PDB file of N, CA and C in Angstrom:
ATOM      1  N   MET A   1       0.844  -1.169   0.000  1.00  0.00           N
ATOM      2  CA  MET A   1       0.000   0.000   0.000  1.00  0.00           C
ATOM      3  C   MET A   1       0.893   1.237   0.000  1.00  0.00           C
ATOM      4  N   ASN A   2       0.467   2.253  -0.737  1.00  0.00           N
ATOM      5  CA  ASN A   2       1.254   3.484  -0.779  1.00  0.00           C
ATOM      6  C   ASN A   2       0.477   4.639  -0.142  1.00  0.00           C
ATOM      7  N   VAL A   3       1.107   5.792  -0.093  1.00  0.00           N
ATOM      8  CA  VAL A   3       0.491   6.967   0.540  1.00  0.00           C
ATOM      9  C   VAL A   3      -0.853   7.284  -0.111  1.00  0.00           C
ATOM     10  N   LEU A   4      -0.896   7.314  -1.426  1.00  0.00           N
ATOM     11  CA  LEU A   4      -2.129   7.650  -2.138  1.00  0.00           C
ATOM     12  C   LEU A   4      -3.267   6.704  -1.755  1.00  0.00           C
ATOM     13  N   GLU A   5      -2.984   5.421  -1.659  1.00  0.00           N
ATOM     14  CA  GLU A   5      -4.007   4.433  -1.306  1.00  0.00           C
ATOM     15  C   GLU A   5      -4.468   4.574   0.142  1.00  0.00           C
ATOM     16  N   THR A   6      -3.673   5.218   0.959  1.00  0.00           N
ATOM     17  CA  THR A   6      -3.985   5.398   2.373  1.00  0.00           C
ATOM     18  C   THR A   6      -4.940   6.571   2.612  1.00  0.00           C
ATOM     19  N   ILE A   7      -4.970   7.520   1.692  1.00  0.00           N
ATOM     20  CA  ILE A   7      -5.753   8.745   1.876  1.00  0.00           C
ATOM     21  C   ILE A   7      -7.226   8.445   2.117  1.00  0.00           C
ATOM     22  N   LYS A   8      -7.792   7.481   1.400  1.00  0.00           N
ATOM     23  CA  LYS A   8      -9.226   7.190   1.545  1.00  0.00           C
ATOM     24  C   LYS A   8      -9.594   6.799   2.972  1.00  0.00           C
ATOM     25  N   PHE A   9      -8.656   6.207   3.699  1.00  0.00           N
ATOM     26  CA  PHE A   9      -8.918   5.827   5.081  1.00  0.00           C
ATOM     27  C   PHE A   9      -8.816   7.032   6.014  1.00  0.00           C
ATOM     28  N   LEU A  10      -7.950   7.958   5.678  1.00  0.00           N
ATOM     29  CA  LEU A  10      -7.789   9.163   6.498  1.00  0.00           C
ATOM     30  C   LEU A  10      -8.954  10.120   6.299  1.00  0.00           C
ATOM     31  N   VAL A  11      -9.487  10.178   5.089  1.00  0.00           N
ATOM     32  CA  VAL A  11     -10.632  11.031   4.794  1.00  0.00           C
ATOM     33  C   VAL A  11     -11.899  10.450   5.426  1.00  0.00           C
ATOM     34  N   ASN A  12     -11.946   9.129   5.518  1.00  0.00           N
ATOM     35  CA  ASN A  12     -13.104   8.426   6.082  1.00  0.00           C
ATOM     36  C   ASN A  12     -12.649   7.540   7.242  1.00  0.00           C
ATOM     37  N   PRO A  13     -12.393   8.132   8.413  1.00  0.00           N
ATOM     38  CA  PRO A  13     -11.852   7.357   9.537  1.00  0.00           C
ATOM     39  C   PRO A  13     -12.726   6.177   9.947  1.00  0.00           C
ATOM     40  N   GLU A  14     -14.024   6.209   9.570  1.00  0.00           N
ATOM     41  CA  GLU A  14     -14.886   5.073   9.893  1.00  0.00           C
ATOM     42  C   GLU A  14     -14.451   3.827   9.126  1.00  0.00           C
ATOM     43  N   ARG A  15     -13.595   3.988   8.130  1.00  0.00           N
ATOM     44  CA  ARG A  15     -13.047   2.851   7.371  1.00  0.00           C
ATOM     45  C   ARG A  15     -11.688   2.402   7.908  1.00  0.00           C
ATOM     46  N   MET A  16     -11.289   2.916   9.060  1.00  0.00           N
ATOM     47  CA  MET A  16      -9.969   2.616   9.604  1.00  0.00           C
ATOM     48  C   MET A  16      -9.764   1.119   9.829  1.00  0.00           C
ATOM     49  N   ASP A  17     -10.827   0.380  10.134  1.00  0.00           N
ATOM     50  CA  ASP A  17     -10.698  -1.067  10.318  1.00  0.00           C
ATOM     51  C   ASP A  17     -10.127  -1.731   9.070  1.00  0.00           C
ATOM     52  N   GLU A  18     -10.515  -1.244   7.899  1.00  0.00           N
ATOM     53  CA  GLU A  18      -9.989  -1.789   6.646  1.00  0.00           C
ATOM     54  C   GLU A  18      -8.475  -1.599   6.566  1.00  0.00           C
ATOM     55  N   LEU A  19      -8.014  -0.419   6.953  1.00  0.00           N
ATOM     56  CA  LEU A  19      -6.580  -0.141   6.940  1.00  0.00           C
ATOM     57  C   LEU A  19      -5.860  -1.053   7.921  1.00  0.00           C
ATOM     58  N   LEU A  20      -6.419  -1.202   9.110  1.00  0.00           N
ATOM     59  CA  LEU A  20      -5.798  -2.077  10.108  1.00  0.00           C
ATOM     60  C   LEU A  20      -5.690  -3.504   9.582  1.00  0.00           C
ATOM     61  N   LEU A  21      -6.742  -3.992   8.954  1.00  0.00           N
ATOM     62  CA  LEU A  21      -6.715  -5.349   8.396  1.00  0.00           C
ATOM     63  C   LEU A  21      -5.660  -5.473   7.301  1.00  0.00           C
ATOM     64  N   LYS A  22      -5.594  -4.485   6.417  1.00  0.00           N
ATOM     65  CA  LYS A  22      -4.602  -4.507   5.332  1.00  0.00           C
ATOM     66  C   LYS A  22      -3.177  -4.531   5.885  1.00  0.00           C
ATOM     67  N   GLU A  23      -2.986  -3.874   7.009  1.00  0.00           N
ATOM     68  CA  GLU A  23      -1.653  -3.805   7.615  1.00  0.00           C
ATOM     69  C   GLU A  23      -1.399  -4.938   8.616  1.00  0.00           C
ATOM     70  N   GLY A  24      -2.376  -5.826   8.768  1.00  0.00           N
ATOM     71  CA  GLY A  24      -2.206  -6.970   9.658  1.00  0.00           C
ATOM     72  C   GLY A  24      -2.238  -6.614  11.133  1.00  0.00           C
ATOM     73  N   LEU A  25      -2.922  -5.516  11.473  1.00  0.00           N
ATOM     74  CA  LEU A  25      -3.019  -5.089  12.869  1.00  0.00           C
ATOM     75  C   LEU A  25      -4.377  -5.498  13.431  1.00  0.00           C
ATOM     76  N   PRO A  26      -4.441  -5.773  14.735  1.00  0.00           N
ATOM     77  CA  PRO A  26      -5.730  -6.148  15.342  1.00  0.00           C
ATOM     78  C   PRO A  26      -6.743  -5.005  15.252  1.00  0.00           C
ATOM     79  N   LEU A  27      -8.014  -5.363  15.118  1.00  0.00           N
ATOM     80  CA  LEU A  27      -9.068  -4.359  14.981  1.00  0.00           C
ATOM     81  C   LEU A  27      -9.255  -3.506  16.228  1.00  0.00           C
ATOM     82  N   ASP A  28      -8.805  -3.996  17.375  1.00  0.00           N
ATOM     83  CA  ASP A  28      -8.950  -3.204  18.601  1.00  0.00           C
ATOM     84  C   ASP A  28      -7.765  -2.258  18.815  1.00  0.00           C
ATOM     85  N   THR A  29      -6.957  -2.079  17.783  1.00  0.00           N
ATOM     86  CA  THR A  29      -5.809  -1.189  17.846  1.00  0.00           C
ATOM     87  C   THR A  29      -6.272   0.259  17.976  1.00  0.00           C
ATOM     88  N   ASP A  30      -5.677   0.985  18.901  1.00  0.00           N
ATOM     89  CA  ASP A  30      -5.961   2.415  19.039  1.00  0.00           C
ATOM     90  C   ASP A  30      -5.054   3.153  18.059  1.00  0.00           C
ATOM     91  N   VAL A  31      -5.623   3.623  16.959  1.00  0.00           N
ATOM     92  CA  VAL A  31      -4.804   4.232  15.903  1.00  0.00           C
ATOM     93  C   VAL A  31      -4.080   5.496  16.364  1.00  0.00           C
ATOM     94  N   ARG A  32      -4.510   6.065  17.479  1.00  0.00           N
ATOM     95  CA  ARG A  32      -3.805   7.251  17.991  1.00  0.00           C
ATOM     96  C   ARG A  32      -2.390   6.914  18.446  1.00  0.00           C
ATOM     97  N   ASP A  33      -2.100   5.624  18.607  1.00  0.00           N
ATOM     98  CA  ASP A  33      -0.766   5.197  19.027  1.00  0.00           C
ATOM     99  C   ASP A  33       0.091   4.741  17.851  1.00  0.00           C
ATOM    100  N   PHE A  34      -0.349   5.065  16.621  1.00  0.00           N
ATOM    101  CA  PHE A  34       0.360   4.606  15.428  1.00  0.00           C
ATOM    102  C   PHE A  34       0.577   5.754  14.467  1.00  0.00           C
ATOM    103  N   ALA A  35       1.598   5.588  13.628  1.00  0.00           N
ATOM    104  CA  ALA A  35       1.913   6.590  12.611  1.00  0.00           C
ATOM    105  C   ALA A  35       2.108   5.896  11.268  1.00  0.00           C
ATOM    106  N   ILE A  36       1.922   6.681  10.221  1.00  0.00           N
ATOM    107  CA  ILE A  36       2.174   6.202   8.866  1.00  0.00           C
ATOM    108  C   ILE A  36       3.602   6.572   8.524  1.00  0.00           C
ATOM    109  N   TYR A  37       4.391   5.579   8.198  1.00  0.00           N
ATOM    110  CA  TYR A  37       5.776   5.783   7.798  1.00  0.00           C
ATOM    111  C   TYR A  37       5.933   5.437   6.323  1.00  0.00           C
ATOM    112  N   CYS A  38       6.624   6.292   5.592  1.00  0.00           N
ATOM    113  CA  CYS A  38       6.956   6.028   4.195  1.00  0.00           C
ATOM    114  C   CYS A  38       8.279   5.285   4.151  1.00  0.00           C
ATOM    115  N   ILE A  39       8.381   4.374   3.227  1.00  0.00           N
ATOM    116  CA  ILE A  39       9.629   3.635   3.064  1.00  0.00           C
ATOM    117  C   ILE A  39      10.501   4.396   2.061  1.00  0.00           C
ATOM    118  N   GLY A  40      11.644   4.848   2.547  1.00  0.00           N
ATOM    119  CA  GLY A  40      12.622   5.522   1.696  1.00  0.00           C
ATOM    120  C   GLY A  40      12.458   7.006   1.533  1.00  0.00           C
ATOM    121  N   GLU A  41      11.259   7.456   1.161  1.00  0.00           N
ATOM    122  CA  GLU A  41      11.028   8.884   0.931  1.00  0.00           C
ATOM    123  C   GLU A  41       9.544   9.183   1.087  1.00  0.00           C
ATOM    124  N   ILE A  42       9.241  10.460   1.291  1.00  0.00           N
ATOM    125  CA  ILE A  42       7.842  10.883   1.369  1.00  0.00           C
ATOM    126  C   ILE A  42       7.403  11.258  -0.041  1.00  0.00           C
ATOM    127  N   ASP A  43       6.473  10.464  -0.554  1.00  0.00           N
ATOM    128  CA  ASP A  43       5.997  10.633  -1.913  1.00  0.00           C
ATOM    129  C   ASP A  43       4.631   9.969  -2.021  1.00  0.00           C
ATOM    130  N   LEU A  44       3.764  10.434  -2.907  1.00  0.00           N
ATOM    131  CA  LEU A  44       2.437   9.836  -3.057  1.00  0.00           C
ATOM    132  C   LEU A  44       2.492   8.347  -3.352  1.00  0.00           C
ATOM    133  N   LEU A  45       3.510   7.920  -4.074  1.00  0.00           N
ATOM    134  CA  LEU A  45       3.592   6.516  -4.448  1.00  0.00           C
ATOM    135  C   LEU A  45       4.539   5.716  -3.556  1.00  0.00           C
ATOM    136  N   ALA A  46       5.053   6.349  -2.510  1.00  0.00           N
ATOM    137  CA  ALA A  46       5.932   5.641  -1.578  1.00  0.00           C
ATOM    138  C   ALA A  46       5.136   4.582  -0.819  1.00  0.00           C
ATOM    139  N   GLU A  47       5.703   3.418  -0.707  1.00  0.00           N
ATOM    140  CA  GLU A  47       5.084   2.364   0.090  1.00  0.00           C
ATOM    141  C   GLU A  47       5.082   2.807   1.546  1.00  0.00           C
ATOM    142  N   ILE A  48       4.049   2.392   2.267  1.00  0.00           N
ATOM    143  CA  ILE A  48       3.937   2.795   3.667  1.00  0.00           C
ATOM    144  C   ILE A  48       3.923   1.577   4.581  1.00  0.00           C
ATOM    145  N   LYS A  49       4.170   1.864   5.829  1.00  0.00           N
ATOM    146  CA  LYS A  49       4.063   0.884   6.907  1.00  0.00           C
ATOM    147  C   LYS A  49       3.456   1.622   8.087  1.00  0.00           C
ATOM    148  N   ILE A  50       2.495   0.995   8.747  1.00  0.00           N
ATOM    149  CA  ILE A  50       1.908   1.565   9.958  1.00  0.00           C
ATOM    150  C   ILE A  50       2.728   1.032  11.132  1.00  0.00           C
ATOM    151  N   LEU A  51       3.361   1.933  11.875  1.00  0.00           N
ATOM    152  CA  LEU A  51       4.231   1.538  12.977  1.00  0.00           C
ATOM    153  C   LEU A  51       3.766   2.192  14.273  1.00  0.00           C
ATOM    154  N   SER A  52       3.940   1.475  15.353  1.00  0.00           N
ATOM    155  CA  SER A  52       3.509   1.988  16.653  1.00  0.00           C
ATOM    156  C   SER A  52       4.508   2.998  17.200  1.00  0.00           C
ATOM    157  N   ASP A  53       3.981   3.930  17.980  1.00  0.00           N
ATOM    158  CA  ASP A  53       4.840   4.905  18.650  1.00  0.00           C
ATOM    159  C   ASP A  53       5.821   4.192  19.578  1.00  0.00           C
ATOM    160  N   GLU A  54       5.363   3.113  20.170  1.00  0.00           N
ATOM    161  CA  GLU A  54       6.214   2.350  21.081  1.00  0.00           C
ATOM    162  C   GLU A  54       7.420   1.774  20.350  1.00  0.00           C
ATOM    163  N   GLU A  55       7.197   1.262  19.150  1.00  0.00           N
ATOM    164  CA  GLU A  55       8.290   0.672  18.376  1.00  0.00           C
ATOM    165  C   GLU A  55       9.280   1.718  17.889  1.00  0.00           C
ATOM    166  N   THR A  56       8.768   2.860  17.437  1.00  0.00           N
ATOM    167  CA  THR A  56       9.627   3.864  16.800  1.00  0.00           C
ATOM    168  C   THR A  56      10.119   4.956  17.738  1.00  0.00           C
ATOM    169  N   ASP A  57       9.600   4.983  18.964  1.00  0.00           N
ATOM    170  CA  ASP A  57       9.902   6.074  19.903  1.00  0.00           C
ATOM    171  C   ASP A  57       9.578   7.432  19.304  1.00  0.00           C
ATOM    172  N   ASN A  58       8.600   7.472  18.399  1.00  0.00           N
ATOM    173  CA  ASN A  58       8.172   8.701  17.721  1.00  0.00           C
ATOM    174  C   ASN A  58       9.281   9.362  16.913  1.00  0.00           C
ATOM    175  N   ASP A  59      10.272   8.577  16.512  1.00  0.00           N
ATOM    176  CA  ASP A  59      11.353   9.131  15.691  1.00  0.00           C
ATOM    177  C   ASP A  59      10.833   9.487  14.313  1.00  0.00           C
ATOM    178  N   ILE A  60      11.320  10.586  13.761  1.00  0.00           N
ATOM    179  CA  ILE A  60      10.923  10.985  12.412  1.00  0.00           C
ATOM    180  C   ILE A  60      11.536  10.027  11.398  1.00  0.00           C
ATOM    181  N   ILE A  61      12.780   9.663  11.612  1.00  0.00           N
ATOM    182  CA  ILE A  61      13.432   8.666  10.768  1.00  0.00           C
ATOM    183  C   ILE A  61      13.714   7.444  11.627  1.00  0.00           C
ATOM    184  N   TYR A  62      13.255   6.299  11.159  1.00  0.00           N
ATOM    185  CA  TYR A  62      13.366   5.050  11.904  1.00  0.00           C
ATOM    186  C   TYR A  62      13.937   4.003  10.960  1.00  0.00           C
ATOM    187  N   GLU A  63      14.934   3.271  11.436  1.00  0.00           N
ATOM    188  CA  GLU A  63      15.527   2.217  10.616  1.00  0.00           C
ATOM    189  C   GLU A  63      15.360   0.874  11.303  1.00  0.00           C
ATOM    190  N   LYS A  64      14.993  -0.115  10.485  1.00  0.00           N
ATOM    191  CA  LYS A  64      14.833  -1.474  10.990  1.00  0.00           C
ATOM    192  C   LYS A  64      15.180  -2.439   9.869  1.00  0.00           C
ATOM    193  N   ASP A  65      16.027  -3.391  10.178  1.00  0.00           N
ATOM    194  CA  ASP A  65      16.435  -4.404   9.203  1.00  0.00           C
ATOM    195  C   ASP A  65      16.951  -3.782   7.910  1.00  0.00           C
ATOM    196  N   GLY A  66      17.675  -2.682   8.033  1.00  0.00           N
ATOM    197  CA  GLY A  66      18.261  -2.024   6.875  1.00  0.00           C
ATOM    198  C   GLY A  66      17.287  -1.202   6.042  1.00  0.00           C
ATOM    199  N   ILE A  67      16.063  -1.052   6.508  1.00  0.00           N
ATOM    200  CA  ILE A  67      15.055  -0.267   5.790  1.00  0.00           C
ATOM    201  C   ILE A  67      14.857   1.057   6.510  1.00  0.00           C
ATOM    202  N   LYS A  68      14.891   2.139   5.730  1.00  0.00           N
ATOM    203  CA  LYS A  68      14.707   3.485   6.280  1.00  0.00           C
ATOM    204  C   LYS A  68      13.238   3.876   6.143  1.00  0.00           C
ATOM    205  N   TYR A  69      12.632   4.209   7.283  1.00  0.00           N
ATOM    206  CA  TYR A  69      11.245   4.661   7.329  1.00  0.00           C
ATOM    207  C   TYR A  69      11.237   6.126   7.726  1.00  0.00           C
ATOM    208  N   ILE A  70      10.421   6.925   7.033  1.00  0.00           N
ATOM    209  CA  ILE A  70      10.292   8.346   7.347  1.00  0.00           C
ATOM    210  C   ILE A  70       8.843   8.598   7.746  1.00  0.00           C
ATOM    211  N   CYS A  71       8.662   9.210   8.906  1.00  0.00           N
ATOM    212  CA  CYS A  71       7.317   9.446   9.408  1.00  0.00           C
ATOM    213  C   CYS A  71       6.584  10.440   8.517  1.00  0.00           C
ATOM    214  N   PHE A  72       5.445   9.993   8.002  1.00  0.00           N
ATOM    215  CA  PHE A  72       4.571  10.874   7.226  1.00  0.00           C
ATOM    216  C   PHE A  72       3.732  11.678   8.213  1.00  0.00           C
ATOM    217  N   PHE A  73       2.892  11.005   8.990  1.00  0.00           N
ATOM    218  CA  PHE A  73       2.106  11.639  10.047  1.00  0.00           C
ATOM    219  C   PHE A  73       1.626  10.590  11.028  1.00  0.00           C
ATOM    220  N   ASP A  74       1.413  11.014  12.278  1.00  0.00           N
ATOM    221  CA  ASP A  74       0.621  10.196  13.190  1.00  0.00           C
ATOM    222  C   ASP A  74      -0.762  10.117  12.563  1.00  0.00           C
ATOM    223  N   ILE A  75      -1.410   8.982  12.684  1.00  0.00           N
ATOM    224  CA  ILE A  75      -2.712   8.804  12.039  1.00  0.00           C
ATOM    225  C   ILE A  75      -3.723   9.844  12.517  1.00  0.00           C
ATOM    226  N   GLY A  76      -3.801  10.052  13.818  1.00  0.00           N
ATOM    227  CA  GLY A  76      -4.746  11.032  14.357  1.00  0.00           C
ATOM    228  C   GLY A  76      -4.469  12.436  13.859  1.00  0.00           C
ATOM    229  N   HIS A  77      -3.198  12.787  13.746  1.00  0.00           N
ATOM    230  CA  HIS A  77      -2.823  14.119  13.266  1.00  0.00           C
ATOM    231  C   HIS A  77      -3.229  14.296  11.808  1.00  0.00           C
ATOM    232  N   ALA A  78      -3.000  13.273  10.988  1.00  0.00           N
ATOM    233  CA  ALA A  78      -3.367  13.352   9.574  1.00  0.00           C
ATOM    234  C   ALA A  78      -4.873  13.547   9.416  1.00  0.00           C
ATOM    235  N   ILE A  79      -5.654  12.802  10.199  1.00  0.00           N
ATOM    236  CA  ILE A  79      -7.115  12.937  10.143  1.00  0.00           C
ATOM    237  C   ILE A  79      -7.522  14.352  10.550  1.00  0.00           C
ATOM    238  N   ASP A  80      -6.921  14.859  11.607  1.00  0.00           N
ATOM    239  CA  ASP A  80      -7.231  16.212  12.078  1.00  0.00           C
ATOM    240  C   ASP A  80      -6.867  17.274  11.035  1.00  0.00           C
ATOM    241  N   LEU A  81      -5.727  17.103  10.377  1.00  0.00           N
ATOM    242  CA  LEU A  81      -5.337  18.053   9.334  1.00  0.00           C
ATOM    243  C   LEU A  81      -6.361  18.074   8.201  1.00  0.00           C
ATOM    244  N   ILE A  82      -6.774  16.898   7.766  1.00  0.00           N
ATOM    245  CA  ILE A  82      -7.739  16.802   6.668  1.00  0.00           C
ATOM    246  C   ILE A  82      -9.062  17.441   7.061  1.00  0.00           C
ATOM    247  N   GLU A  83      -9.525  17.152   8.265  1.00  0.00           N
ATOM    248  CA  GLU A  83     -10.847  17.619   8.694  1.00  0.00           C
ATOM    249  C   GLU A  83     -10.860  19.069   9.151  1.00  0.00           C
ATOM    250  N   ASN A  84      -9.791  19.531   9.758  1.00  0.00           N
ATOM    251  CA  ASN A  84      -9.821  20.850  10.391  1.00  0.00           C
ATOM    252  C   ASN A  84      -8.804  21.831   9.817  1.00  0.00           C
ATOM    253  N   ASP A  85      -7.535  21.602  10.074  1.00  0.00           N
ATOM    254  CA  ASP A  85      -6.515  22.594   9.752  1.00  0.00           C
ATOM    255  C   ASP A  85      -6.439  22.922   8.258  1.00  0.00           C
ATOM    256  N   LEU A  86      -6.421  21.900   7.415  1.00  0.00           N
ATOM    257  CA  LEU A  86      -6.313  22.140   5.974  1.00  0.00           C
ATOM    258  C   LEU A  86      -7.687  22.182   5.294  1.00  0.00           C
ATOM    259  N   GLU A  87      -8.713  21.847   6.050  1.00  0.00           N
ATOM    260  CA  GLU A  87     -10.097  21.889   5.565  1.00  0.00           C
ATOM    261  C   GLU A  87     -10.253  21.242   4.194  1.00  0.00           C
ATOM    262  N   LEU A  88      -9.833  19.975   4.095  1.00  0.00           N
ATOM    263  CA  LEU A  88      -9.883  19.258   2.824  1.00  0.00           C
ATOM    264  C   LEU A  88     -11.077  18.319   2.701  1.00  0.00           C
ATOM    265  N   LYS A  89     -11.690  17.979   3.822  1.00  0.00           N
ATOM    266  CA  LYS A  89     -12.778  17.006   3.808  1.00  0.00           C
ATOM    267  C   LYS A  89     -14.073  17.639   3.318  1.00  0.00           C
ATOM    268  N   GLY A  90     -14.792  16.874   2.493  1.00  0.00           N
ATOM    269  CA  GLY A  90     -16.099  17.309   2.033  1.00  0.00           C
ATOM    270  C   GLY A  90     -16.078  18.418   0.992  1.00  0.00           C
ATOM    271  N   LYS A  91     -14.927  18.661   0.395  1.00  0.00           N
ATOM    272  CA  LYS A  91     -14.808  19.733  -0.598  1.00  0.00           C
ATOM    273  C   LYS A  91     -14.749  19.194  -2.023  1.00  0.00           C
ATOM    274  N   GLY A  92     -14.825  17.860  -2.162  1.00  0.00           N
ATOM    275  CA  GLY A  92     -14.784  17.256  -3.490  1.00  0.00           C
ATOM    276  C   GLY A  92     -13.389  17.029  -4.038  1.00  0.00           C
ATOM    277  N   TYR A  93     -12.368  17.201  -3.203  1.00  0.00           N
ATOM    278  CA  TYR A  93     -10.998  16.979  -3.660  1.00  0.00           C
ATOM    279  C   TYR A  93     -10.732  15.487  -3.842  1.00  0.00           C
ATOM    280  N   SER A  94      -9.935  15.162  -4.831  1.00  0.00           N
ATOM    281  CA  SER A  94      -9.538  13.773  -5.059  1.00  0.00           C
ATOM    282  C   SER A  94      -8.513  13.354  -4.006  1.00  0.00           C
ATOM    283  N   ASP A  95      -8.348  12.053  -3.862  1.00  0.00           N
ATOM    284  CA  ASP A  95      -7.331  11.543  -2.933  1.00  0.00           C
ATOM    285  C   ASP A  95      -5.948  12.052  -3.330  1.00  0.00           C
ATOM    286  N   MET A  96      -5.709  12.189  -4.623  1.00  0.00           N
ATOM    287  CA  MET A  96      -4.408  12.667  -5.088  1.00  0.00           C
ATOM    288  C   MET A  96      -4.167  14.108  -4.630  1.00  0.00           C
ATOM    289  N   VAL A  97      -5.174  14.952  -4.744  1.00  0.00           N
ATOM    290  CA  VAL A  97      -5.037  16.352  -4.320  1.00  0.00           C
ATOM    291  C   VAL A  97      -4.826  16.415  -2.809  1.00  0.00           C
ATOM    292  N   ILE A  98      -5.595  15.646  -2.059  1.00  0.00           N
ATOM    293  CA  ILE A  98      -5.459  15.634  -0.593  1.00  0.00           C
ATOM    294  C   ILE A  98      -4.077  15.120  -0.199  1.00  0.00           C
ATOM    295  N   GLY A  99      -3.646  14.039  -0.831  1.00  0.00           N
ATOM    296  CA  GLY A  99      -2.317  13.498  -0.538  1.00  0.00           C
ATOM    297  C   GLY A  99      -1.218  14.494  -0.842  1.00  0.00           C
ATOM    298  N   ASP A 100      -1.342  15.169  -1.970  1.00  0.00           N
ATOM    299  CA  ASP A 100      -0.352  16.172  -2.351  1.00  0.00           C
ATOM    300  C   ASP A 100      -0.311  17.314  -1.339  1.00  0.00           C
ATOM    301  N   ARG A 101      -1.478  17.773  -0.883  1.00  0.00           N
ATOM    302  CA  ARG A 101      -1.534  18.851   0.124  1.00  0.00           C
ATOM    303  C   ARG A 101      -0.893  18.403   1.437  1.00  0.00           C
ATOM    304  N   LEU A 102      -1.160  17.152   1.845  1.00  0.00           N
ATOM    305  CA  LEU A 102      -0.555  16.637   3.079  1.00  0.00           C
ATOM    306  C   LEU A 102       0.962  16.566   2.953  1.00  0.00           C
ATOM    307  N   ILE A 103       1.435  16.121   1.810  1.00  0.00           N
ATOM    308  CA  ILE A 103       2.884  16.033   1.601  1.00  0.00           C
ATOM    309  C   ILE A 103       3.507  17.426   1.639  1.00  0.00           C
ATOM    310  N   LYS A 104       2.894  18.374   0.962  1.00  0.00           N
ATOM    311  CA  LYS A 104       3.431  19.743   0.986  1.00  0.00           C
ATOM    312  C   LYS A 104       3.430  20.302   2.402  1.00  0.00           C
ATOM    313  N   TYR A 105       2.361  20.033   3.144  1.00  0.00           N
ATOM    314  CA  TYR A 105       2.308  20.489   4.532  1.00  0.00           C
ATOM    315  C   TYR A 105       3.418  19.822   5.342  1.00  0.00           C
ATOM    316  N   ARG A 106       3.572  18.536   5.173  1.00  0.00           N
ATOM    317  CA  ARG A 106       4.585  17.775   5.929  1.00  0.00           C
ATOM    318  C   ARG A 106       5.986  18.308   5.655  1.00  0.00           C
ATOM    319  N   ILE A 107       6.276  18.563   4.395  1.00  0.00           N
ATOM    320  CA  ILE A 107       7.617  19.016   4.016  1.00  0.00           C
ATOM    321  C   ILE A 107       7.869  20.462   4.429  1.00  0.00           C
ATOM    322  N   ASN A 108       6.880  21.317   4.268  1.00  0.00           N
ATOM    323  CA  ASN A 108       7.082  22.756   4.497  1.00  0.00           C
ATOM    324  C   ASN A 108       6.694  23.267   5.881  1.00  0.00           C
ATOM    325  N   ASP A 109       5.733  22.644   6.530  1.00  0.00           N
ATOM    326  CA  ASP A 109       5.196  23.214   7.758  1.00  0.00           C
ATOM    327  C   ASP A 109       5.293  22.341   8.984  1.00  0.00           C
ATOM    328  N   ALA A 110       5.362  21.051   8.812  1.00  0.00           N
ATOM    329  CA  ALA A 110       5.308  20.154   9.974  1.00  0.00           C
ATOM    330  C   ALA A 110       6.631  20.102  10.705  1.00  0.00           C
TER     331      ALA A 110
END
């Protein structure tokens, strides 16, 4: 799964169970304790991994087994940005536009 494919779950948090299942996480997982990490670089097509704050110690860059992970956003923060700060929800924007705005925010403002 890549960043672009993840946007639909962030725009519709009621679908978060689908994301958890895709990532092999238990359905009773509190997503506020997890972040979306990009593998290698932050890009719309970058593959992602959902990692726990406990595992990564909230590091922006996390390495495991020779793989470099870069924190895109905590899941709760990404949802809040879409719904409130960037006001992207319910405006008819495509997942690509929302993903691009999140990436620009992450790179320039976060």
